[in-house]
């Protein structure tokens, strides 16, 4: 499992599309760089740590998604759907990785 997650770090190369297209959306691919550091975590606790970290990311997606939909509904600003999706996806990756590092460091 450790090797599979390590390969997600190569998705950070998608940020090079920023130089081709000039859109800052492609810079969110840089959040995949931190997956390279998962390779140093020991294997025996990795499944438990990832399970707990993905629960945190799921809760982030639920609360942020519901809050965004309610805000867009109340303000009638449909232009916020695209940036909200970017922050939803990128934020869940960051929450998951920060949780993995926390649970690995805390030894829980």
C-alpha atoms as a PDB file:
ATOM      1  CA  UNK A   1       0.000   0.000   0.000  1.00  0.00           C
ATOM      2  CA  UNK A   2       2.882   2.298   0.742  1.00  0.00           C
ATOM      3  CA  UNK A   3       4.167   2.060  -2.816  1.00  0.00           C
ATOM      4  CA  UNK A   4       0.745   2.768  -4.301  1.00  0.00           C
ATOM      5  CA  UNK A   5       0.361   5.974  -2.330  1.00  0.00           C
ATOM      6  CA  UNK A   6       3.901   6.996  -3.195  1.00  0.00           C
ATOM      7  CA  UNK A   7       3.022   6.966  -6.896  1.00  0.00           C
ATOM      8  CA  UNK A   8       0.339   9.595  -6.290  1.00  0.00           C
ATOM      9  CA  UNK A   9       3.186  12.058  -5.889  1.00  0.00           C
ATOM     10  CA  UNK A  10       3.795  11.895  -9.622  1.00  0.00           C
ATOM     11  CA  UNK A  11       0.435  13.578 -10.186  1.00  0.00           C
ATOM     12  CA  UNK A  12       2.191  16.771  -9.104  1.00  0.00           C
ATOM     13  CA  UNK A  13       3.655  16.910 -12.605  1.00  0.00           C
ATOM     14  CA  UNK A  14       0.210  18.101 -13.706  1.00  0.00           C
ATOM     15  CA  UNK A  15       1.151  21.479 -12.285  1.00  0.00           C
ATOM     16  CA  UNK A  16       3.409  21.963 -15.301  1.00  0.00           C
ATOM     17  CA  UNK A  17       0.244  22.626 -17.293  1.00  0.00           C
ATOM     18  CA  UNK A  18       0.195  26.014 -15.566  1.00  0.00           C
ATOM     19  CA  UNK A  19       3.047  27.108 -17.826  1.00  0.00           C
ATOM     20  CA  UNK A  20       1.179  25.926 -20.917  1.00  0.00           C
ATOM     21  CA  UNK A  21      -2.317  27.199 -20.131  1.00  0.00           C
ATOM     22  CA  UNK A  22      -1.545  29.965 -17.631  1.00  0.00           C
ATOM     23  CA  UNK A  23      -4.451  28.987 -15.361  1.00  0.00           C
ATOM     24  CA  UNK A  24      -3.726  28.909 -11.633  1.00  0.00           C
ATOM     25  CA  UNK A  25      -6.049  25.918 -11.220  1.00  0.00           C
ATOM     26  CA  UNK A  26      -3.233  23.638 -12.339  1.00  0.00           C
ATOM     27  CA  UNK A  27      -1.092  24.744  -9.392  1.00  0.00           C
ATOM     28  CA  UNK A  28      -3.329  22.697  -7.078  1.00  0.00           C
ATOM     29  CA  UNK A  29      -1.618  19.614  -8.482  1.00  0.00           C
ATOM     30  CA  UNK A  30       1.328  20.639  -6.293  1.00  0.00           C
ATOM     31  CA  UNK A  31      -0.591  19.292  -3.294  1.00  0.00           C
ATOM     32  CA  UNK A  32       0.331  15.787  -4.498  1.00  0.00           C
ATOM     33  CA  UNK A  33       4.041  16.433  -3.781  1.00  0.00           C
ATOM     34  CA  UNK A  34       3.621  15.580  -0.137  1.00  0.00           C
ATOM     35  CA  UNK A  35       2.665  11.992  -1.046  1.00  0.00           C
ATOM     36  CA  UNK A  36       6.360  11.349  -1.698  1.00  0.00           C
ATOM     37  CA  UNK A  37       6.995  11.612   2.053  1.00  0.00           C
ATOM     38  CA  UNK A  38       4.551   8.761   2.825  1.00  0.00           C
ATOM     39  CA  UNK A  39       7.214   6.340   1.644  1.00  0.00           C
ATOM     40  CA  UNK A  40       9.064   6.737   4.968  1.00  0.00           C
ATOM     41  CA  UNK A  41       6.122   5.624   7.159  1.00  0.00           C
ATOM     42  CA  UNK A  42       6.305   2.099   8.559  1.00  0.00           C
ATOM     43  CA  UNK A  43       4.025  -0.475   6.906  1.00  0.00           C
ATOM     44  CA  UNK A  44       2.387  -2.117   9.917  1.00  0.00           C
ATOM     45  CA  UNK A  45       0.459   0.975  11.044  1.00  0.00           C
ATOM     46  CA  UNK A  46      -0.122   2.491   7.621  1.00  0.00           C
ATOM     47  CA  UNK A  47      -3.536   0.907   6.994  1.00  0.00           C
ATOM     48  CA  UNK A  48      -4.902   2.104  10.321  1.00  0.00           C
ATOM     49  CA  UNK A  49      -3.450   5.584   9.890  1.00  0.00           C
ATOM     50  CA  UNK A  50      -4.836   5.968   6.377  1.00  0.00           C
ATOM     51  CA  UNK A  51      -8.259   4.800   7.531  1.00  0.00           C
ATOM     52  CA  UNK A  52      -8.413   7.465  10.207  1.00  0.00           C
ATOM     53  CA  UNK A  53      -6.979  10.141   7.906  1.00  0.00           C
ATOM     54  CA  UNK A  54      -9.536   9.473   5.185  1.00  0.00           C
ATOM     55  CA  UNK A  55     -12.310   9.790   7.761  1.00  0.00           C
ATOM     56  CA  UNK A  56     -11.054  13.299   8.503  1.00  0.00           C
ATOM     57  CA  UNK A  57     -10.907  14.135   4.803  1.00  0.00           C
ATOM     58  CA  UNK A  58     -14.437  12.807   4.319  1.00  0.00           C
ATOM     59  CA  UNK A  59     -15.738  14.994   7.143  1.00  0.00           C
ATOM     60  CA  UNK A  60     -13.985  17.994   5.576  1.00  0.00           C
ATOM     61  CA  UNK A  61     -15.657  17.263   2.243  1.00  0.00           C
ATOM     62  CA  UNK A  62     -19.090  16.922   3.828  1.00  0.00           C
ATOM     63  CA  UNK A  63     -18.936  20.101   5.910  1.00  0.00           C
ATOM     64  CA  UNK A  64     -17.184  22.239   3.286  1.00  0.00           C
ATOM     65  CA  UNK A  65     -19.437  20.938   0.513  1.00  0.00           C
ATOM     66  CA  UNK A  66     -22.646  21.572   2.436  1.00  0.00           C
ATOM     67  CA  UNK A  67     -21.435  25.002   3.535  1.00  0.00           C
ATOM     68  CA  UNK A  68     -20.506  25.929  -0.013  1.00  0.00           C
ATOM     69  CA  UNK A  69     -23.814  24.772  -1.473  1.00  0.00           C
ATOM     70  CA  UNK A  70     -25.751  26.709   1.154  1.00  0.00           C
ATOM     71  CA  UNK A  71     -23.645  29.840   0.552  1.00  0.00           C
ATOM     72  CA  UNK A  72     -24.079  29.607  -3.223  1.00  0.00           C
ATOM     73  CA  UNK A  73     -27.820  29.090  -2.799  1.00  0.00           C
ATOM     74  CA  UNK A  74     -28.207  32.080  -0.481  1.00  0.00           C
ATOM     75  CA  UNK A  75     -26.109  34.448  -2.615  1.00  0.00           C
ATOM     76  CA  UNK A  76     -27.270  33.117  -6.019  1.00  0.00           C
ATOM     77  CA  UNK A  77     -23.676  33.294  -7.248  1.00  0.00           C
ATOM     78  CA  UNK A  78     -23.232  30.300  -9.537  1.00  0.00           C
ATOM     79  CA  UNK A  79     -19.730  31.387 -10.548  1.00  0.00           C
ATOM     80  CA  UNK A  80     -18.399  29.970  -7.265  1.00  0.00           C
ATOM     81  CA  UNK A  81     -19.013  26.331  -8.220  1.00  0.00           C
ATOM     82  CA  UNK A  82     -15.699  25.892 -10.069  1.00  0.00           C
ATOM     83  CA  UNK A  83     -13.450  27.399  -7.361  1.00  0.00           C
ATOM     84  CA  UNK A  84     -15.426  25.596  -4.656  1.00  0.00           C
ATOM     85  CA  UNK A  85     -14.760  22.266  -6.356  1.00  0.00           C
ATOM     86  CA  UNK A  86     -11.043  23.046  -6.506  1.00  0.00           C
ATOM     87  CA  UNK A  87     -10.909  23.923  -2.805  1.00  0.00           C
ATOM     88  CA  UNK A  88     -13.002  20.869  -1.962  1.00  0.00           C
ATOM     89  CA  UNK A  89     -10.669  18.484  -3.761  1.00  0.00           C
ATOM     90  CA  UNK A  90      -7.389  20.157  -2.835  1.00  0.00           C
ATOM     91  CA  UNK A  91      -8.457  20.736   0.752  1.00  0.00           C
ATOM     92  CA  UNK A  92      -9.429  17.114   1.252  1.00  0.00           C
ATOM     93  CA  UNK A  93      -5.982  16.042   0.021  1.00  0.00           C
ATOM     94  CA  UNK A  94      -4.286  18.426   2.415  1.00  0.00           C
ATOM     95  CA  UNK A  95      -6.481  17.381   5.354  1.00  0.00           C
ATOM     96  CA  UNK A  96      -5.785  13.724   4.628  1.00  0.00           C
ATOM     97  CA  UNK A  97      -2.027  14.218   4.431  1.00  0.00           C
ATOM     98  CA  UNK A  98      -1.851  16.391   7.535  1.00  0.00           C
ATOM     99  CA  UNK A  99      -3.856  13.746   9.394  1.00  0.00           C
ATOM    100  CA  UNK A 100      -1.488  11.011   8.217  1.00  0.00           C
ATOM    101  CA  UNK A 101       1.511  12.968   9.476  1.00  0.00           C
ATOM    102  CA  UNK A 102      -0.203  13.749  12.776  1.00  0.00           C
ATOM    103  CA  UNK A 103      -1.250  10.162  13.462  1.00  0.00           C
ATOM    104  CA  UNK A 104       2.183   8.873  12.461  1.00  0.00           C
ATOM    105  CA  UNK A 105       3.942  11.353  14.734  1.00  0.00           C
ATOM    106  CA  UNK A 106       1.571  10.856  17.655  1.00  0.00           C
ATOM    107  CA  UNK A 107       1.859   7.077  17.461  1.00  0.00           C
ATOM    108  CA  UNK A 108      -1.876   6.504  17.681  1.00  0.00           C
END
